[in-house]
């Protein structure tokens, strides 16, 4: 099954650390300015999900949401959550770890696009 969102091994390690410290977590990427253009990590339920947010999938069991308008720009790509050294958004959980999540992407192949169409 084709996944719309996935994570690198390093990101999964950080996700597991954050879940140990904070319990269940969630991600949101709105595509706004400043911190909104990065994936933000919150304790599950700390960010209210709106009617214009869609769940793209789960990474290591944690839901990943994106605003519908932003998704329209990204829908032809698989989003790959990675982690790098540095400070994340001020409200994102990983910041105190000296790390920040980063979204990378790759275009879906023709076969993957066809499979995604049948999953919808």
PDB file of N, CA and C in Angstrom:
ATOM      1  N   UNK A   1       0.839  -1.176   0.000  1.00  0.00           N
ATOM      2  CA  UNK A   1       0.000   0.000   0.000  1.00  0.00           C
ATOM      3  C   UNK A   1       0.891   1.250   0.000  1.00  0.00           C
ATOM      4  N   UNK A   2       0.554   2.195  -0.821  1.00  0.00           N
ATOM      5  CA  UNK A   2       1.306   3.443  -0.940  1.00  0.00           C
ATOM      6  C   UNK A   2       0.939   4.349   0.233  1.00  0.00           C
ATOM      7  N   UNK A   3       1.954   4.900   0.852  1.00  0.00           N
ATOM      8  CA  UNK A   3       1.732   5.815   1.965  1.00  0.00           C
ATOM      9  C   UNK A   3       1.920   7.251   1.493  1.00  0.00           C
ATOM     10  N   UNK A   4       1.029   8.126   1.910  1.00  0.00           N
ATOM     11  CA  UNK A   4       1.153   9.549   1.556  1.00  0.00           C
ATOM     12  C   UNK A   4       2.197  10.246   2.426  1.00  0.00           C
ATOM     13  N   UNK A   5       2.403   9.731   3.624  1.00  0.00           N
ATOM     14  CA  UNK A   5       3.405  10.307   4.521  1.00  0.00           C
ATOM     15  C   UNK A   5       4.170   9.165   5.180  1.00  0.00           C
ATOM     16  N   UNK A   6       5.473   9.358   5.308  1.00  0.00           N
ATOM     17  CA  UNK A   6       6.341   8.366   5.929  1.00  0.00           C
ATOM     18  C   UNK A   6       7.430   9.118   6.682  1.00  0.00           C
ATOM     19  N   UNK A   7       8.333   8.398   7.309  1.00  0.00           N
ATOM     20  CA  UNK A   7       9.397   9.046   8.078  1.00  0.00           C
ATOM     21  C   UNK A   7      10.690   8.260   7.946  1.00  0.00           C
ATOM     22  N   UNK A   8      11.793   8.976   8.057  1.00  0.00           N
ATOM     23  CA  UNK A   8      13.111   8.337   8.041  1.00  0.00           C
ATOM     24  C   UNK A   8      13.317   7.606   9.375  1.00  0.00           C
ATOM     25  N   UNK A   9      14.307   6.729   9.402  1.00  0.00           N
ATOM     26  CA  UNK A   9      14.613   6.012  10.641  1.00  0.00           C
ATOM     27  C   UNK A   9      14.964   6.980  11.768  1.00  0.00           C
ATOM     28  N   UNK A  10      15.730   8.027  11.455  1.00  0.00           N
ATOM     29  CA  UNK A  10      16.102   9.010  12.481  1.00  0.00           C
ATOM     30  C   UNK A  10      14.873   9.738  13.020  1.00  0.00           C
ATOM     31  N   UNK A  11      13.939  10.068  12.147  1.00  0.00           N
ATOM     32  CA  UNK A  11      12.711  10.727  12.601  1.00  0.00           C
ATOM     33  C   UNK A  11      11.906   9.789  13.492  1.00  0.00           C
ATOM     34  N   UNK A  12      11.834   8.523  13.135  1.00  0.00           N
ATOM     35  CA  UNK A  12      11.090   7.559  13.955  1.00  0.00           C
ATOM     36  C   UNK A  12      11.718   7.439  15.344  1.00  0.00           C
ATOM     37  N   UNK A  13      13.046   7.449  15.413  1.00  0.00           N
ATOM     38  CA  UNK A  13      13.711   7.397  16.724  1.00  0.00           C
ATOM     39  C   UNK A  13      13.302   8.589  17.588  1.00  0.00           C
ATOM     40  N   UNK A  14      13.266   9.776  16.987  1.00  0.00           N
ATOM     41  CA  UNK A  14      12.873  10.967  17.734  1.00  0.00           C
ATOM     42  C   UNK A  14      11.391  10.912  18.116  1.00  0.00           C
ATOM     43  N   UNK A  15      10.557  10.433  17.219  1.00  0.00           N
ATOM     44  CA  UNK A  15       9.129  10.283  17.512  1.00  0.00           C
ATOM     45  C   UNK A  15       8.930   9.375  18.723  1.00  0.00           C
ATOM     46  N   UNK A  16       9.660   8.280  18.766  1.00  0.00           N
ATOM     47  CA  UNK A  16       9.533   7.343  19.888  1.00  0.00           C
ATOM     48  C   UNK A  16      10.008   7.976  21.196  1.00  0.00           C
ATOM     49  N   UNK A  17      11.080   8.741  21.145  1.00  0.00           N
ATOM     50  CA  UNK A  17      11.552   9.456  22.330  1.00  0.00           C
ATOM     51  C   UNK A  17      10.495  10.442  22.825  1.00  0.00           C
ATOM     52  N   UNK A  18       9.900  11.186  21.881  1.00  0.00           N
ATOM     53  CA  UNK A  18       8.876  12.166  22.263  1.00  0.00           C
ATOM     54  C   UNK A  18       7.653  11.485  22.850  1.00  0.00           C
ATOM     55  N   UNK A  19       7.279  10.327  22.310  1.00  0.00           N
ATOM     56  CA  UNK A  19       6.125   9.604  22.850  1.00  0.00           C
ATOM     57  C   UNK A  19       6.417   9.074  24.250  1.00  0.00           C
ATOM     58  N   UNK A  20       7.664   8.665  24.508  1.00  0.00           N
ATOM     59  CA  UNK A  20       8.035   8.223  25.853  1.00  0.00           C
ATOM     60  C   UNK A  20       7.886   9.374  26.856  1.00  0.00           C
ATOM     61  N   UNK A  21       8.282  10.569  26.441  1.00  0.00           N
ATOM     62  CA  UNK A  21       8.257  11.728  27.329  1.00  0.00           C
ATOM     63  C   UNK A  21       6.880  12.366  27.461  1.00  0.00           C
ATOM     64  N   UNK A  22       6.101  12.377  26.368  1.00  0.00           N
ATOM     65  CA  UNK A  22       4.864  13.166  26.330  1.00  0.00           C
ATOM     66  C   UNK A  22       3.594  12.348  26.126  1.00  0.00           C
ATOM     67  N   UNK A  23       3.711  11.068  25.898  1.00  0.00           N
ATOM     68  CA  UNK A  23       2.546  10.260  25.572  1.00  0.00           C
ATOM     69  C   UNK A  23       2.225  10.383  24.088  1.00  0.00           C
ATOM     70  N   UNK A  24       1.010  10.061  23.683  1.00  0.00           N
ATOM     71  CA  UNK A  24       0.650  10.112  22.258  1.00  0.00           C
ATOM     72  C   UNK A  24       0.877  11.522  21.681  1.00  0.00           C
ATOM     73  N   UNK A  25       1.366  11.549  20.454  1.00  0.00           N
ATOM     74  CA  UNK A  25       1.637  12.815  19.775  1.00  0.00           C
ATOM     75  C   UNK A  25       0.948  12.848  18.423  1.00  0.00           C
ATOM     76  N   UNK A  26       0.917  14.035  17.840  1.00  0.00           N
ATOM     77  CA  UNK A  26       0.328  14.232  16.515  1.00  0.00           C
ATOM     78  C   UNK A  26       1.172  15.245  15.753  1.00  0.00           C
ATOM     79  N   UNK A  27       1.015  15.280  14.440  1.00  0.00           N
ATOM     80  CA  UNK A  27       1.722  16.233  13.588  1.00  0.00           C
ATOM     81  C   UNK A  27       0.721  17.038  12.768  1.00  0.00           C
ATOM     82  N   UNK A  28       1.113  18.270  12.467  1.00  0.00           N
ATOM     83  CA  UNK A  28       0.311  19.116  11.582  1.00  0.00           C
ATOM     84  C   UNK A  28       1.247  19.976  10.749  1.00  0.00           C
ATOM     85  N   UNK A  29       0.969  20.048   9.483  1.00  0.00           N
ATOM     86  CA  UNK A  29       1.705  20.934   8.586  1.00  0.00           C
ATOM     87  C   UNK A  29       0.699  21.769   7.817  1.00  0.00           C
ATOM     88  N   UNK A  30       0.647  23.073   8.125  1.00  0.00           N
ATOM     89  CA  UNK A  30      -0.381  23.919   7.526  1.00  0.00           C
ATOM     90  C   UNK A  30       0.085  24.605   6.254  1.00  0.00           C
ATOM     91  N   UNK A  31       1.377  24.825   6.127  1.00  0.00           N
ATOM     92  CA  UNK A  31       1.868  25.529   4.950  1.00  0.00           C
ATOM     93  C   UNK A  31       1.845  27.031   5.087  1.00  0.00           C
ATOM     94  N   UNK A  32       1.609  27.517   6.292  1.00  0.00           N
ATOM     95  CA  UNK A  32       1.617  28.960   6.517  1.00  0.00           C
ATOM     96  C   UNK A  32       3.029  29.495   6.551  1.00  0.00           C
ATOM     97  N   UNK A  33       3.150  30.734   6.943  1.00  0.00           N
ATOM     98  CA  UNK A  33       4.487  31.328   7.013  1.00  0.00           C
ATOM     99  C   UNK A  33       5.182  30.895   8.297  1.00  0.00           C
ATOM    100  N   UNK A  34       6.441  31.180   8.366  1.00  0.00           N
ATOM    101  CA  UNK A  34       7.256  30.929   9.568  1.00  0.00           C
ATOM    102  C   UNK A  34       7.183  29.461   9.966  1.00  0.00           C
ATOM    103  N   UNK A  35       6.819  29.181  11.230  1.00  0.00           N
ATOM    104  CA  UNK A  35       6.799  27.800  11.714  1.00  0.00           C
ATOM    105  C   UNK A  35       5.770  26.940  10.996  1.00  0.00           C
ATOM    106  N   UNK A  36       4.740  27.528  10.424  1.00  0.00           N
ATOM    107  CA  UNK A  36       3.687  26.759   9.780  1.00  0.00           C
ATOM    108  C   UNK A  36       4.128  26.018   8.541  1.00  0.00           C
ATOM    109  N   UNK A  37       5.313  26.345   8.004  1.00  0.00           N
ATOM    110  CA  UNK A  37       5.788  25.661   6.811  1.00  0.00           C
ATOM    111  C   UNK A  37       6.594  24.415   7.169  1.00  0.00           C
ATOM    112  N   UNK A  38       6.750  24.139   8.448  1.00  0.00           N
ATOM    113  CA  UNK A  38       7.443  22.946   8.930  1.00  0.00           C
ATOM    114  C   UNK A  38       6.433  22.031   9.611  1.00  0.00           C
ATOM    115  N   UNK A  39       6.716  20.731   9.626  1.00  0.00           N
ATOM    116  CA  UNK A  39       5.807  19.864  10.371  1.00  0.00           C
ATOM    117  C   UNK A  39       5.945  20.169  11.857  1.00  0.00           C
ATOM    118  N   UNK A  40       4.836  20.367  12.508  1.00  0.00           N
ATOM    119  CA  UNK A  40       4.819  20.689  13.931  1.00  0.00           C
ATOM    120  C   UNK A  40       4.314  19.472  14.697  1.00  0.00           C
ATOM    121  N   UNK A  41       4.952  19.200  15.831  1.00  0.00           N
ATOM    122  CA  UNK A  41       4.619  18.046  16.653  1.00  0.00           C
ATOM    123  C   UNK A  41       4.022  18.523  17.971  1.00  0.00           C
ATOM    124  N   UNK A  42       2.869  17.972  18.330  1.00  0.00           N
ATOM    125  CA  UNK A  42       2.143  18.371  19.528  1.00  0.00           C
ATOM    126  C   UNK A  42       1.719  17.130  20.312  1.00  0.00           C
ATOM    127  N   UNK A  43       1.480  17.275  21.617  1.00  0.00           N
ATOM    128  CA  UNK A  43       0.791  16.187  22.311  1.00  0.00           C
ATOM    129  C   UNK A  43      -0.568  15.981  21.625  1.00  0.00           C
ATOM    130  N   UNK A  44      -0.957  14.736  21.468  1.00  0.00           N
ATOM    131  CA  UNK A  44      -2.214  14.440  20.788  1.00  0.00           C
ATOM    132  C   UNK A  44      -3.353  15.206  21.441  1.00  0.00           C
ATOM    133  N   UNK A  45      -4.125  15.926  20.627  1.00  0.00           N
ATOM    134  CA  UNK A  45      -5.275  16.671  21.104  1.00  0.00           C
ATOM    135  C   UNK A  45      -4.979  18.108  21.488  1.00  0.00           C
ATOM    136  N   UNK A  46      -3.701  18.494  21.555  1.00  0.00           N
ATOM    137  CA  UNK A  46      -3.368  19.874  21.924  1.00  0.00           C
ATOM    138  C   UNK A  46      -3.634  20.868  20.797  1.00  0.00           C
ATOM    139  N   UNK A  47      -3.724  20.415  19.590  1.00  0.00           N
ATOM    140  CA  UNK A  47      -4.072  21.268  18.465  1.00  0.00           C
ATOM    141  C   UNK A  47      -5.437  20.831  17.956  1.00  0.00           C
ATOM    142  N   UNK A  48      -6.349  21.756  17.881  1.00  0.00           N
ATOM    143  CA  UNK A  48      -7.673  21.423  17.363  1.00  0.00           C
ATOM    144  C   UNK A  48      -7.600  21.269  15.852  1.00  0.00           C
ATOM    145  N   UNK A  49      -8.071  20.153  15.369  1.00  0.00           N
ATOM    146  CA  UNK A  49      -8.085  19.881  13.937  1.00  0.00           C
ATOM    147  C   UNK A  49      -9.374  20.462  13.377  1.00  0.00           C
ATOM    148  N   UNK A  50      -9.232  21.256  12.304  1.00  0.00           N
ATOM    149  CA  UNK A  50     -10.384  21.904  11.711  1.00  0.00           C
ATOM    150  C   UNK A  50     -10.983  21.118  10.571  1.00  0.00           C
ATOM    151  N   UNK A  51     -12.090  21.598  10.080  1.00  0.00           N
ATOM    152  CA  UNK A  51     -12.793  20.924   8.985  1.00  0.00           C
ATOM    153  C   UNK A  51     -11.999  20.966   7.689  1.00  0.00           C
ATOM    154  N   UNK A  52     -11.019  21.853   7.591  1.00  0.00           N
ATOM    155  CA  UNK A  52     -10.194  21.946   6.384  1.00  0.00           C
ATOM    156  C   UNK A  52      -8.880  21.169   6.508  1.00  0.00           C
ATOM    157  N   UNK A  53      -8.690  20.448   7.617  1.00  0.00           N
ATOM    158  CA  UNK A  53      -7.505  19.627   7.810  1.00  0.00           C
ATOM    159  C   UNK A  53      -7.827  18.189   7.442  1.00  0.00           C
ATOM    160  N   UNK A  54      -6.875  17.532   6.798  1.00  0.00           N
ATOM    161  CA  UNK A  54      -7.067  16.133   6.442  1.00  0.00           C
ATOM    162  C   UNK A  54      -5.923  15.311   7.027  1.00  0.00           C
ATOM    163  N   UNK A  55      -6.240  14.085   7.417  1.00  0.00           N
ATOM    164  CA  UNK A  55      -5.214  13.181   7.921  1.00  0.00           C
ATOM    165  C   UNK A  55      -4.613  12.452   6.725  1.00  0.00           C
ATOM    166  N   UNK A  56      -3.310  12.647   6.514  1.00  0.00           N
ATOM    167  CA  UNK A  56      -2.636  11.999   5.389  1.00  0.00           C
ATOM    168  C   UNK A  56      -2.214  10.579   5.720  1.00  0.00           C
ATOM    169  N   UNK A  57      -2.088  10.295   6.977  1.00  0.00           N
ATOM    170  CA  UNK A  57      -1.642   8.970   7.403  1.00  0.00           C
ATOM    171  C   UNK A  57      -1.067   9.042   8.794  1.00  0.00           C
ATOM    172  N   UNK A  58      -0.363   7.977   9.156  1.00  0.00           N
ATOM    173  CA  UNK A  58       0.272   7.911  10.469  1.00  0.00           C
ATOM    174  C   UNK A  58       1.747   7.616  10.276  1.00  0.00           C
ATOM    175  N   UNK A  59       2.560   8.225  11.137  1.00  0.00           N
ATOM    176  CA  UNK A  59       3.982   7.888  11.160  1.00  0.00           C
ATOM    177  C   UNK A  59       4.291   7.354  12.557  1.00  0.00           C
ATOM    178  N   UNK A  60       4.705   6.103  12.581  1.00  0.00           N
ATOM    179  CA  UNK A  60       4.937   5.380  13.828  1.00  0.00           C
ATOM    180  C   UNK A  60       3.717   5.490  14.756  1.00  0.00           C
ATOM    181  N   UNK A  61       2.540   5.396  14.183  1.00  0.00           N
ATOM    182  CA  UNK A  61       1.298   5.409  14.950  1.00  0.00           C
ATOM    183  C   UNK A  61       0.759   6.787  15.283  1.00  0.00           C
ATOM    184  N   UNK A  62       1.466   7.846  14.881  1.00  0.00           N
ATOM    185  CA  UNK A  62       1.040   9.220  15.183  1.00  0.00           C
ATOM    186  C   UNK A  62       0.422   9.861  13.945  1.00  0.00           C
ATOM    187  N   UNK A  63      -0.758  10.425  14.113  1.00  0.00           N
ATOM    188  CA  UNK A  63      -1.472  11.034  12.986  1.00  0.00           C
ATOM    189  C   UNK A  63      -0.717  12.247  12.440  1.00  0.00           C
ATOM    190  N   UNK A  64      -0.775  12.388  11.109  1.00  0.00           N
ATOM    191  CA  UNK A  64      -0.152  13.513  10.415  1.00  0.00           C
ATOM    192  C   UNK A  64      -1.239  14.216   9.611  1.00  0.00           C
ATOM    193  N   UNK A  65      -1.474  15.479   9.936  1.00  0.00           N
ATOM    194  CA  UNK A  65      -2.515  16.269   9.297  1.00  0.00           C
ATOM    195  C   UNK A  65      -1.911  17.384   8.454  1.00  0.00           C
ATOM    196  N   UNK A  66      -2.674  17.791   7.449  1.00  0.00           N
ATOM    197  CA  UNK A  66      -2.288  18.923   6.607  1.00  0.00           C
ATOM    198  C   UNK A  66      -3.555  19.657   6.201  1.00  0.00           C
ATOM    199  N   UNK A  67      -3.447  20.961   6.097  1.00  0.00           N
ATOM    200  CA  UNK A  67      -4.571  21.758   5.626  1.00  0.00           C
ATOM    201  C   UNK A  67      -4.883  21.366   4.178  1.00  0.00           C
ATOM    202  N   UNK A  68      -6.154  21.279   3.842  1.00  0.00           N
ATOM    203  CA  UNK A  68      -6.590  20.863   2.501  1.00  0.00           C
ATOM    204  C   UNK A  68      -5.966  21.714   1.396  1.00  0.00           C
ATOM    205  N   UNK A  69      -5.909  23.032   1.600  1.00  0.00           N
ATOM    206  CA  UNK A  69      -5.325  23.900   0.566  1.00  0.00           C
ATOM    207  C   UNK A  69      -3.850  23.589   0.356  1.00  0.00           C
ATOM    208  N   UNK A  70      -3.129  23.329   1.442  1.00  0.00           N
ATOM    209  CA  UNK A  70      -1.717  22.973   1.315  1.00  0.00           C
ATOM    210  C   UNK A  70      -1.575  21.610   0.646  1.00  0.00           C
ATOM    211  N   UNK A  71      -2.437  20.674   1.018  1.00  0.00           N
ATOM    212  CA  UNK A  71      -2.395  19.337   0.430  1.00  0.00           C
ATOM    213  C   UNK A  71      -2.566  19.395  -1.090  1.00  0.00           C
ATOM    214  N   UNK A  72      -3.367  20.309  -1.587  1.00  0.00           N
ATOM    215  CA  UNK A  72      -3.552  20.434  -3.031  1.00  0.00           C
ATOM    216  C   UNK A  72      -2.223  20.665  -3.755  1.00  0.00           C
ATOM    217  N   UNK A  73      -1.270  21.298  -3.085  1.00  0.00           N
ATOM    218  CA  UNK A  73       0.055  21.512  -3.676  1.00  0.00           C
ATOM    219  C   UNK A  73       0.946  20.276  -3.551  1.00  0.00           C
ATOM    220  N   UNK A  74       0.723  19.467  -2.529  1.00  0.00           N
ATOM    221  CA  UNK A  74       1.596  18.342  -2.215  1.00  0.00           C
ATOM    222  C   UNK A  74       1.027  16.990  -2.661  1.00  0.00           C
ATOM    223  N   UNK A  75      -0.193  16.934  -3.173  1.00  0.00           N
ATOM    224  CA  UNK A  75      -0.868  15.652  -3.385  1.00  0.00           C
ATOM    225  C   UNK A  75      -0.168  14.727  -4.373  1.00  0.00           C
ATOM    226  N   UNK A  76       0.694  15.259  -5.211  1.00  0.00           N
ATOM    227  CA  UNK A  76       1.402  14.414  -6.173  1.00  0.00           C
ATOM    228  C   UNK A  76       2.716  13.867  -5.603  1.00  0.00           C
ATOM    229  N   UNK A  77       2.964  14.151  -4.305  1.00  0.00           N
ATOM    230  CA  UNK A  77       4.215  13.723  -3.688  1.00  0.00           C
ATOM    231  C   UNK A  77       3.977  12.912  -2.421  1.00  0.00           C
ATOM    232  N   UNK A  78       4.955  12.076  -2.132  1.00  0.00           N
ATOM    233  CA  UNK A  78       4.992  11.411  -0.843  1.00  0.00           C
ATOM    234  C   UNK A  78       5.784  12.327   0.091  1.00  0.00           C
ATOM    235  N   UNK A  79       5.242  12.613   1.243  1.00  0.00           N
ATOM    236  CA  UNK A  79       5.912  13.466   2.221  1.00  0.00           C
ATOM    237  C   UNK A  79       6.747  12.559   3.118  1.00  0.00           C
ATOM    238  N   UNK A  80       8.006  12.904   3.245  1.00  0.00           N
ATOM    239  CA  UNK A  80       8.941  12.126   4.051  1.00  0.00           C
ATOM    240  C   UNK A  80       9.405  13.016   5.198  1.00  0.00           C
ATOM    241  N   UNK A  81       9.027  12.651   6.409  1.00  0.00           N
ATOM    242  CA  UNK A  81       9.423  13.426   7.581  1.00  0.00           C
ATOM    243  C   UNK A  81      10.821  12.985   7.995  1.00  0.00           C
ATOM    244  N   UNK A  82      11.698  13.963   8.093  1.00  0.00           N
ATOM    245  CA  UNK A  82      13.088  13.730   8.470  1.00  0.00           C
ATOM    246  C   UNK A  82      13.380  14.583   9.698  1.00  0.00           C
ATOM    247  N   UNK A  83      14.543  14.453  10.261  1.00  0.00           N
ATOM    248  CA  UNK A  83      14.944  15.243  11.411  1.00  0.00           C
ATOM    249  C   UNK A  83      16.369  15.738  11.189  1.00  0.00           C
ATOM    250  N   UNK A  84      16.611  16.983  11.583  1.00  0.00           N
ATOM    251  CA  UNK A  84      17.942  17.581  11.474  1.00  0.00           C
ATOM    252  C   UNK A  84      18.258  18.288  12.794  1.00  0.00           C
ATOM    253  N   UNK A  85      19.537  18.562  13.010  1.00  0.00           N
ATOM    254  CA  UNK A  85      19.928  19.336  14.186  1.00  0.00           C
ATOM    255  C   UNK A  85      19.429  20.759  14.049  1.00  0.00           C
ATOM    256  N   UNK A  86      19.089  21.370  15.172  1.00  0.00           N
ATOM    257  CA  UNK A  86      18.611  22.745  15.168  1.00  0.00           C
ATOM    258  C   UNK A  86      17.331  22.881  15.943  1.00  0.00           C
ATOM    259  N   UNK A  87      16.886  24.092  16.068  1.00  0.00           N
ATOM    260  CA  UNK A  87      15.662  24.375  16.815  1.00  0.00           C
ATOM    261  C   UNK A  87      14.456  24.288  15.894  1.00  0.00           C
ATOM    262  N   UNK A  88      13.422  23.601  16.349  1.00  0.00           N
ATOM    263  CA  UNK A  88      12.174  23.535  15.608  1.00  0.00           C
ATOM    264  C   UNK A  88      11.304  24.717  15.952  1.00  0.00           C
ATOM    265  N   UNK A  89      10.068  24.651  15.558  1.00  0.00           N
ATOM    266  CA  UNK A  89       9.123  25.705  15.887  1.00  0.00           C
ATOM    267  C   UNK A  89       8.961  25.815  17.393  1.00  0.00           C
ATOM    268  N   UNK A  90       8.705  27.007  17.863  1.00  0.00           N
ATOM    269  CA  UNK A  90       8.690  27.223  19.310  1.00  0.00           C
ATOM    270  C   UNK A  90       7.625  26.407  20.036  1.00  0.00           C
ATOM    271  N   UNK A  91       6.587  25.971  19.338  1.00  0.00           N
ATOM    272  CA  UNK A  91       5.552  25.180  19.993  1.00  0.00           C
ATOM    273  C   UNK A  91       5.672  23.692  19.679  1.00  0.00           C
ATOM    274  N   UNK A  92       6.634  23.310  18.861  1.00  0.00           N
ATOM    275  CA  UNK A  92       6.796  21.926  18.457  1.00  0.00           C
ATOM    276  C   UNK A  92       7.640  21.176  19.499  1.00  0.00           C
ATOM    277  N   UNK A  93       7.208  19.981  19.868  1.00  0.00           N
ATOM    278  CA  UNK A  93       7.816  19.244  20.969  1.00  0.00           C
ATOM    279  C   UNK A  93       9.297  18.942  20.800  1.00  0.00           C
ATOM    280  N   UNK A  94       9.770  18.781  19.590  1.00  0.00           N
ATOM    281  CA  UNK A  94      11.154  18.349  19.397  1.00  0.00           C
ATOM    282  C   UNK A  94      12.182  19.443  19.664  1.00  0.00           C
ATOM    283  N   UNK A  95      11.756  20.693  19.756  1.00  0.00           N
ATOM    284  CA  UNK A  95      12.680  21.812  19.912  1.00  0.00           C
ATOM    285  C   UNK A  95      13.612  21.680  21.098  1.00  0.00           C
ATOM    286  N   UNK A  96      13.109  21.194  22.233  1.00  0.00           N
ATOM    287  CA  UNK A  96      13.952  21.068  23.422  1.00  0.00           C
ATOM    288  C   UNK A  96      14.991  19.961  23.283  1.00  0.00           C
ATOM    289  N   UNK A  97      14.836  19.114  22.287  1.00  0.00           N
ATOM    290  CA  UNK A  97      15.789  18.039  22.039  1.00  0.00           C
ATOM    291  C   UNK A  97      16.949  18.504  21.160  1.00  0.00           C
ATOM    292  N   UNK A  98      16.919  19.776  20.726  1.00  0.00           N
ATOM    293  CA  UNK A  98      17.970  20.277  19.842  1.00  0.00           C
ATOM    294  C   UNK A  98      17.827  19.760  18.421  1.00  0.00           C
ATOM    295  N   UNK A  99      16.628  19.329  18.082  1.00  0.00           N
ATOM    296  CA  UNK A  99      16.321  18.778  16.752  1.00  0.00           C
ATOM    297  C   UNK A  99      15.107  19.504  16.193  1.00  0.00           C
ATOM    298  N   UNK A 100      14.908  19.344  14.889  1.00  0.00           N
ATOM    299  CA  UNK A 100      13.675  19.837  14.284  1.00  0.00           C
ATOM    300  C   UNK A 100      13.266  18.894  13.179  1.00  0.00           C
ATOM    301  N   UNK A 101      11.963  18.728  13.048  1.00  0.00           N
ATOM    302  CA  UNK A 101      11.436  17.908  11.966  1.00  0.00           C
ATOM    303  C   UNK A 101      11.469  18.723  10.684  1.00  0.00           C
ATOM    304  N   UNK A 102      11.621  18.034   9.582  1.00  0.00           N
ATOM    305  CA  UNK A 102      11.734  18.649   8.266  1.00  0.00           C
ATOM    306  C   UNK A 102      10.958  17.791   7.276  1.00  0.00           C
ATOM    307  N   UNK A 103      10.195  18.424   6.407  1.00  0.00           N
ATOM    308  CA  UNK A 103       9.466  17.686   5.367  1.00  0.00           C
ATOM    309  C   UNK A 103      10.286  17.646   4.093  1.00  0.00           C
ATOM    310  N   UNK A 104      10.454  16.458   3.597  1.00  0.00           N
ATOM    311  CA  UNK A 104      11.060  16.248   2.272  1.00  0.00           C
ATOM    312  C   UNK A 104       9.964  15.611   1.432  1.00  0.00           C
ATOM    313  N   UNK A 105      10.175  15.507   0.156  1.00  0.00           N
ATOM    314  CA  UNK A 105       9.149  14.868  -0.665  1.00  0.00           C
ATOM    315  C   UNK A 105       9.770  14.254  -1.910  1.00  0.00           C
ATOM    316  N   UNK A 106       9.014  13.371  -2.499  1.00  0.00           N
ATOM    317  CA  UNK A 106       9.363  12.792  -3.794  1.00  0.00           C
ATOM    318  C   UNK A 106       8.063  12.602  -4.562  1.00  0.00           C
ATOM    319  N   UNK A 107       8.138  12.764  -5.858  1.00  0.00           N
ATOM    320  CA  UNK A 107       6.945  12.593  -6.692  1.00  0.00           C
ATOM    321  C   UNK A 107       6.558  11.117  -6.739  1.00  0.00           C
ATOM    322  N   UNK A 108       5.253  10.870  -6.665  1.00  0.00           N
ATOM    323  CA  UNK A 108       4.769   9.503  -6.826  1.00  0.00           C
ATOM    324  C   UNK A 108       5.011   9.034  -8.255  1.00  0.00           C
ATOM    325  N   UNK A 109       5.275   7.750  -8.403  1.00  0.00           N
ATOM    326  CA  UNK A 109       5.379   7.165  -9.734  1.00  0.00           C
ATOM    327  C   UNK A 109       3.975   7.041 -10.331  1.00  0.00           C
ATOM    328  N   UNK A 110       3.902   6.770 -11.594  1.00  0.00           N
ATOM    329  CA  UNK A 110       2.611   6.588 -12.258  1.00  0.00           C
ATOM    330  C   UNK A 110       1.842   5.447 -11.588  1.00  0.00           C
ATOM    331  N   UNK A 111       2.538   4.361 -11.291  1.00  0.00           N
ATOM    332  CA  UNK A 111       1.889   3.210 -10.658  1.00  0.00           C
ATOM    333  C   UNK A 111       1.368   3.568  -9.265  1.00  0.00           C
ATOM    334  N   UNK A 112       2.141   4.334  -8.514  1.00  0.00           N
ATOM    335  CA  UNK A 112       1.697   4.743  -7.173  1.00  0.00           C
ATOM    336  C   UNK A 112       0.484   5.661  -7.253  1.00  0.00           C
ATOM    337  N   UNK A 113       0.483   6.570  -8.223  1.00  0.00           N
ATOM    338  CA  UNK A 113      -0.680   7.454  -8.388  1.00  0.00           C
ATOM    339  C   UNK A 113      -1.927   6.639  -8.692  1.00  0.00           C
ATOM    340  N   UNK A 114      -1.789   5.636  -9.550  1.00  0.00           N
ATOM    341  CA  UNK A 114      -2.930   4.787  -9.885  1.00  0.00           C
ATOM    342  C   UNK A 114      -3.424   4.028  -8.652  1.00  0.00           C
ATOM    343  N   UNK A 115      -2.485   3.520  -7.845  1.00  0.00           N
ATOM    344  CA  UNK A 115      -2.882   2.803  -6.630  1.00  0.00           C
ATOM    345  C   UNK A 115      -3.585   3.747  -5.647  1.00  0.00           C
ATOM    346  N   UNK A 116      -3.075   4.944  -5.514  1.00  0.00           N
ATOM    347  CA  UNK A 116      -3.711   5.919  -4.610  1.00  0.00           C
ATOM    348  C   UNK A 116      -5.125   6.235  -5.044  1.00  0.00           C
ATOM    349  N   UNK A 117      -5.355   6.287  -6.342  1.00  0.00           N
ATOM    350  CA  UNK A 117      -6.705   6.569  -6.855  1.00  0.00           C
ATOM    351  C   UNK A 117      -7.670   5.467  -6.445  1.00  0.00           C
ATOM    352  N   UNK A 118      -7.197   4.216  -6.392  1.00  0.00           N
ATOM    353  CA  UNK A 118      -8.075   3.110  -6.015  1.00  0.00           C
ATOM    354  C   UNK A 118      -8.262   3.049  -4.502  1.00  0.00           C
ATOM    355  N   UNK A 119      -7.333   3.641  -3.721  1.00  0.00           N
ATOM    356  CA  UNK A 119      -7.459   3.652  -2.261  1.00  0.00           C
ATOM    357  C   UNK A 119      -8.482   4.679  -1.797  1.00  0.00           C
ATOM    358  N   UNK A 120      -8.691   5.732  -2.575  1.00  0.00           N
ATOM    359  CA  UNK A 120      -9.586   6.814  -2.153  1.00  0.00           C
ATOM    360  C   UNK A 120     -11.030   6.405  -2.129  1.00  0.00           C
TER     361      UNK A 120
END
